[in-house]
C-alpha cells in the first residue's frame, strides 16, 4: 500500500505534519522489512534502491510541529530514527553474509575475512560519525530521558551492539581454521555482547529508558549465548566477569 500510494514522493498540498508522517511510515516499513526478513529467512522486498523520502526529523521537533506547518523548518535535523535507518542498512549486509555462510558447503576464509573487515569499518565509521549528543554516555542518556525519548536512544545503541555481535559471532567457533584476525574477532564479539548486556541493565535501572519491545528478547538471547559460551569455553581470566554479566542479565529477565 505504501508503494501504491507513492509515499516517498512529496505532495506539495501536504502540510509538514502529513509529509513527516508519510516519511516515518515509509521508513518504518523499511526497518520492519529488514528485521522480518532476517527472522523468517526470506528475501527483502521493500526498497532496494530508487526513490526514497528524506530521513525522519528529530523526534522532539516532530512532536512540536503544528498542523498548519507554521514551524520554521530551516532548523531541521535528523533524529534517532535516522541513525537507526543508516545502521539497519549495514545490518542488511551482515544478514546477507550470515545467510551465505549457512548455505555454503565450502568457506573461503580469506573472502569471508575481507567482508567482515569491510563491514567492521562501516560500523566503526557509523559510530565515529554520530553527533556528540547521540554517542552513548550516561549524560546523553539523561538528556534524552528528559526529552522523553530515552527508550529510543537506548534502542539505537542496543541495535548497534547486536549487529556487531552478529558480525563476529561465527568466530566463537574454535574449530574454525585460524586466521590472523580470528582471536580479535572473537574478542570483539564478546565485547559487544557484554556491552549489550550492560546497556540492558542500565536501561532497566534508569527510569524512562527501559527497553520494552519484543525484539529485545531475541537480541538478549543472542548476547546471553555469547556469555554462556565464555562461561563454558572461555579463558580463566574471562570467567568472573562473564559469570557476573550472566547474573545481571538473568536478574533483568526475572524482573
Protein backbone atom coordinates (compact mmCIF):
# COMPACT_ATOMS: atom_id res chain seq x y z
CA UNK A 1 0.00 0.00 0.00
CA UNK A 2 2.86 2.37 0.78
CA UNK A 3 4.30 1.76 -2.65
CA UNK A 4 0.93 2.18 -4.39
CA UNK A 5 0.39 5.44 -2.51
CA UNK A 6 3.88 6.57 -3.59
CA UNK A 7 4.72 7.71 -0.09
CA UNK A 8 8.33 8.64 -1.00
CA UNK A 9 7.06 11.30 -3.43
CA UNK A 10 6.45 14.64 -1.73
CA UNK A 11 3.00 16.12 -2.31
CA UNK A 12 3.05 19.93 -2.27
CA UNK A 13 -0.50 20.10 -0.95
CA UNK A 14 0.50 18.23 2.22
CA UNK A 15 1.37 20.11 5.37
CA UNK A 16 4.67 19.38 7.10
CA UNK A 17 2.97 17.07 9.62
CA UNK A 18 1.50 14.92 6.84
CA UNK A 19 4.81 14.82 4.99
CA UNK A 20 6.71 13.73 8.06
CA UNK A 21 4.10 11.09 8.94
CA UNK A 22 4.45 9.64 5.42
CA UNK A 23 8.24 9.61 5.76
CA UNK A 24 8.01 7.82 9.09
CA UNK A 25 5.54 5.24 7.78
CA UNK A 26 7.76 4.54 4.78
CA UNK A 27 10.99 4.23 6.77
CA UNK A 28 9.25 2.14 9.46
CA UNK A 29 8.30 -0.34 6.74
CA UNK A 30 11.90 -0.33 5.56
CA UNK A 31 13.11 -1.23 9.07
CA UNK A 32 10.41 -3.87 9.55
CA UNK A 33 11.29 -5.50 6.22
CA UNK A 34 14.95 -5.79 7.28
CA UNK A 35 14.06 -7.34 10.61
CA UNK A 36 11.23 -9.58 9.39
CA UNK A 37 13.27 -10.98 6.52
CA UNK A 38 16.08 -11.79 8.95
CA UNK A 39 13.74 -13.59 11.34
CA UNK A 40 11.87 -15.53 8.67
CA UNK A 41 14.77 -16.26 6.35
CA UNK A 42 13.01 -14.54 3.43
CA UNK A 43 14.39 -12.12 0.82
CA UNK A 44 13.93 -8.43 1.48
CA UNK A 45 11.29 -6.77 -0.71
CA UNK A 46 10.85 -3.19 0.44
CA UNK A 47 13.06 -0.52 -1.13
CA UNK A 48 16.21 -1.87 -2.68
CA UNK A 49 17.20 1.45 -4.19
CA UNK A 50 15.40 4.14 -6.14
CA UNK A 51 13.23 6.93 -4.81
CA UNK A 52 13.26 7.36 -1.03
CA UNK A 53 11.93 10.13 1.19
CA UNK A 54 14.06 12.30 3.41
CA UNK A 55 15.13 10.66 6.66
CA UNK A 56 12.92 11.30 9.72
CA UNK A 57 13.48 14.52 11.61
CA UNK A 58 14.36 14.89 15.27
CA UNK A 59 11.66 13.19 17.36
CA UNK A 60 11.05 16.13 19.69
CA UNK A 61 10.90 18.57 16.77
CA UNK A 62 8.30 16.31 15.14
CA UNK A 63 6.18 16.25 18.28
CA UNK A 64 6.17 20.07 18.29
CA UNK A 65 5.03 20.51 14.68
CA UNK A 66 1.73 22.30 14.27
CA UNK A 67 -0.92 21.11 11.82
CA UNK A 68 -0.58 24.42 9.99
CA UNK A 69 3.07 23.69 9.32
CA UNK A 70 3.96 27.10 10.64
CA UNK A 71 7.05 25.88 12.46
CA UNK A 72 10.30 27.06 10.87
CA UNK A 73 11.82 24.02 9.12
CA UNK A 74 15.16 25.71 8.50
CA UNK A 75 16.35 24.11 11.74
CA UNK A 76 15.65 20.58 10.50
CA UNK A 77 17.97 17.95 11.89
CA UNK A 78 17.95 14.16 11.73
CA UNK A 79 16.51 12.23 14.66
CA UNK A 80 17.42 8.96 16.34
CA UNK A 81 15.32 7.03 13.81
CA UNK A 82 17.52 8.45 11.03
CA UNK A 83 20.57 6.88 12.62
CA UNK A 84 18.67 3.61 13.11
CA UNK A 85 17.94 3.54 9.38
CA UNK A 86 21.60 4.06 8.50
CA UNK A 87 22.55 1.30 10.93
CA UNK A 88 19.98 -1.22 9.70
CA UNK A 89 21.32 -0.79 6.16
CA UNK A 90 24.64 -2.18 7.42
CA UNK A 91 22.73 -4.93 9.22
CA UNK A 92 21.29 -5.99 5.85
CA UNK A 93 24.81 -6.78 4.61
CA UNK A 94 25.67 -8.64 7.83
CA UNK A 95 22.46 -10.63 7.39
CA UNK A 96 23.39 -11.47 3.78
CA UNK A 97 26.84 -12.66 4.83
CA UNK A 98 25.49 -14.92 7.57
CA UNK A 99 22.87 -16.40 5.24
CA UNK A 100 25.56 -17.18 2.68
CA UNK A 101 27.71 -18.89 5.30
CA UNK A 102 24.79 -21.11 6.28
CA UNK A 103 24.09 -22.07 2.68
CA UNK A 104 27.67 -22.67 1.54
CA UNK A 105 29.34 -26.07 1.86
CA UNK A 106 32.84 -24.64 1.44
CA UNK A 107 34.07 -21.44 3.08
CA UNK A 108 36.72 -19.21 1.54
CA UNK A 109 38.25 -17.86 4.75
CA UNK A 110 40.09 -15.02 3.01
CA UNK A 111 36.95 -13.80 1.29
CA UNK A 112 34.91 -14.06 4.49
CA UNK A 113 37.53 -12.17 6.49
CA UNK A 114 37.71 -9.44 3.86
CA UNK A 115 33.95 -8.91 4.02
CA UNK A 116 33.97 -8.92 7.82
CA UNK A 117 36.71 -6.30 7.89
CA UNK A 118 34.79 -4.15 5.39
CA UNK A 119 31.60 -4.32 7.45
CA UNK A 120 33.57 -3.69 10.64
CA UNK A 121 34.92 -0.48 9.06
CA UNK A 122 31.39 0.62 8.19
CA UNK A 123 30.21 0.01 11.75
CA UNK A 124 33.19 1.90 13.15
CA UNK A 125 32.53 4.77 10.72
CA UNK A 126 28.88 4.86 11.80
CA UNK A 127 29.89 5.12 15.45
CA UNK A 128 32.59 7.73 14.78
CA UNK A 129 30.21 9.94 12.81
CA UNK A 130 27.42 10.01 15.38
CA UNK A 131 26.70 13.55 16.58
CA UNK A 132 28.05 14.18 20.11
CA UNK A 133 24.54 14.05 21.61
CA UNK A 134 23.93 10.60 20.05
CA UNK A 135 27.04 8.92 21.48
CA UNK A 136 26.19 6.61 24.36
CA UNK A 137 27.10 8.16 27.68
CA UNK A 138 25.15 8.38 30.92
CA UNK A 139 24.97 12.14 30.43
CA UNK A 140 23.42 11.72 26.98
CA UNK A 141 21.06 9.07 28.32
CA UNK A 142 19.89 11.53 30.97
CA UNK A 143 19.49 14.21 28.29
CA UNK A 144 17.30 12.04 26.06
CA UNK A 145 15.25 10.78 29.00
CA UNK A 146 14.45 14.40 29.86
CA UNK A 147 13.37 14.91 26.24
CA UNK A 148 11.07 11.90 26.51
CA UNK A 149 12.98 9.71 24.02
CA UNK A 150 15.29 7.77 26.35
CA UNK A 151 13.95 4.39 25.20
CA UNK A 152 14.54 5.29 21.54
CA UNK A 153 18.10 6.34 22.35
CA UNK A 154 18.72 3.03 24.12
CA UNK A 155 17.21 1.11 21.19
CA UNK A 156 19.72 2.70 18.81
CA UNK A 157 22.69 1.51 20.85
CA UNK A 158 21.23 -1.91 21.60
CA UNK A 159 20.89 -2.37 17.84
CA UNK A 160 24.49 -1.29 17.26
CA UNK A 161 25.92 -3.80 19.73
CA UNK A 162 23.61 -6.56 18.48
CA UNK A 163 24.68 -6.08 14.86
CA UNK A 164 28.35 -6.09 15.88
CA UNK A 165 27.79 -9.30 17.86
CA UNK A 166 26.18 -10.93 14.82
CA UNK A 167 29.06 -9.90 12.56
CA UNK A 168 31.68 -11.59 14.73
CA UNK A 169 29.57 -14.44 16.16
CA UNK A 170 30.99 -17.06 13.77
CA UNK A 171 34.46 -16.57 15.24
CA UNK A 172 33.45 -18.06 18.57
CA UNK A 173 33.70 -21.47 16.87
CA UNK A 174 37.11 -22.72 17.99
CA UNK A 175 37.10 -25.43 15.30
CA UNK A 176 37.39 -22.88 12.51
CA UNK A 177 40.70 -22.58 10.64
CA UNK A 178 42.69 -19.85 12.44
CA UNK A 179 43.43 -16.58 10.64
CA UNK A 180 45.44 -13.55 11.81
CA UNK A 181 42.21 -11.87 12.98
CA UNK A 182 40.30 -14.84 14.40
CA UNK A 183 41.09 -14.13 18.04
CA UNK A 184 40.50 -10.39 17.65
CA UNK A 185 37.09 -11.01 16.06
CA UNK A 186 36.11 -13.42 18.84
CA UNK A 187 37.09 -10.84 21.46
CA UNK A 188 35.07 -8.18 19.66
CA UNK A 189 32.05 -10.47 19.71
CA UNK A 190 32.40 -10.94 23.46
CA UNK A 191 32.95 -7.20 23.96
CA UNK A 192 29.78 -6.17 22.13
CA UNK A 193 27.71 -8.88 23.80
CA UNK A 194 28.94 -7.62 27.16
CA UNK A 195 28.20 -4.00 26.25
CA UNK A 196 24.71 -5.03 25.14
CA UNK A 197 24.01 -6.75 28.47
CA UNK A 198 25.41 -3.80 30.41
CA UNK A 199 23.14 -1.43 28.46
CA UNK A 200 20.10 -3.61 29.20
CA UNK A 201 20.96 -3.50 32.90
CA UNK A 202 21.49 0.26 32.89
CA UNK A 203 18.32 0.95 30.92
CA UNK A 204 16.23 -1.16 33.30
CA UNK A 205 17.59 0.71 36.31
CA UNK A 206 17.28 4.14 34.70
CA UNK A 207 13.71 5.42 34.71
CA UNK A 208 12.35 6.35 31.30
CA UNK A 209 14.88 4.27 29.37
CA UNK A 210 13.65 0.67 29.71
CA UNK A 211 13.91 -1.49 26.58
CA UNK A 212 10.25 -2.55 26.38
CA UNK A 213 9.73 -4.04 22.93
CA UNK A 214 9.51 -7.59 21.62
CA UNK A 215 12.71 -7.87 19.60
CA UNK A 216 14.86 -7.10 22.65
CA UNK A 217 14.16 -10.64 23.84
CA UNK A 218 15.68 -12.10 20.67
CA UNK A 219 18.72 -9.83 20.88
CA UNK A 220 19.24 -10.64 24.55
CA UNK A 221 19.22 -14.38 23.85
CA UNK A 222 22.00 -13.86 21.27
CA UNK A 223 24.16 -11.83 23.64
CA UNK A 224 23.47 -14.23 26.51
CA UNK A 225 24.60 -17.15 24.36
CA UNK A 226 27.96 -15.39 23.95
CA UNK A 227 28.25 -15.10 27.73
CA UNK A 228 27.33 -18.76 28.09
CA UNK A 229 29.99 -19.69 25.53
CA UNK A 230 32.55 -17.76 27.57
CA UNK A 231 31.47 -19.50 30.78
CA UNK A 232 31.86 -22.92 29.18
CA UNK A 233 34.89 -22.40 26.93
CA UNK A 234 36.47 -19.08 27.84
CA UNK A 235 39.89 -18.40 29.31
CA UNK A 236 40.23 -18.41 33.09
CA UNK A 237 40.56 -14.62 33.33
CA UNK A 238 37.27 -14.18 31.43
CA UNK A 239 35.14 -16.33 33.72
CA UNK A 240 34.50 -13.99 36.70
CA UNK A 241 33.24 -11.16 34.50
CA UNK A 242 31.15 -13.50 32.33
CA UNK A 243 29.62 -15.02 35.45
CA UNK A 244 28.85 -11.53 36.77
CA UNK A 245 27.23 -10.41 33.49
CA UNK A 246 25.21 -13.62 33.28
CA UNK A 247 23.90 -12.99 36.79
CA UNK A 248 22.97 -9.42 35.86
CA UNK A 249 21.11 -10.37 32.70
CA UNK A 250 19.28 -13.20 34.48
CA UNK A 251 18.14 -10.70 37.11
CA UNK A 252 16.89 -8.37 34.36
CA UNK A 253 14.86 -11.20 32.81
CA UNK A 254 13.26 -12.16 36.12
CA UNK A 255 12.30 -8.53 36.82
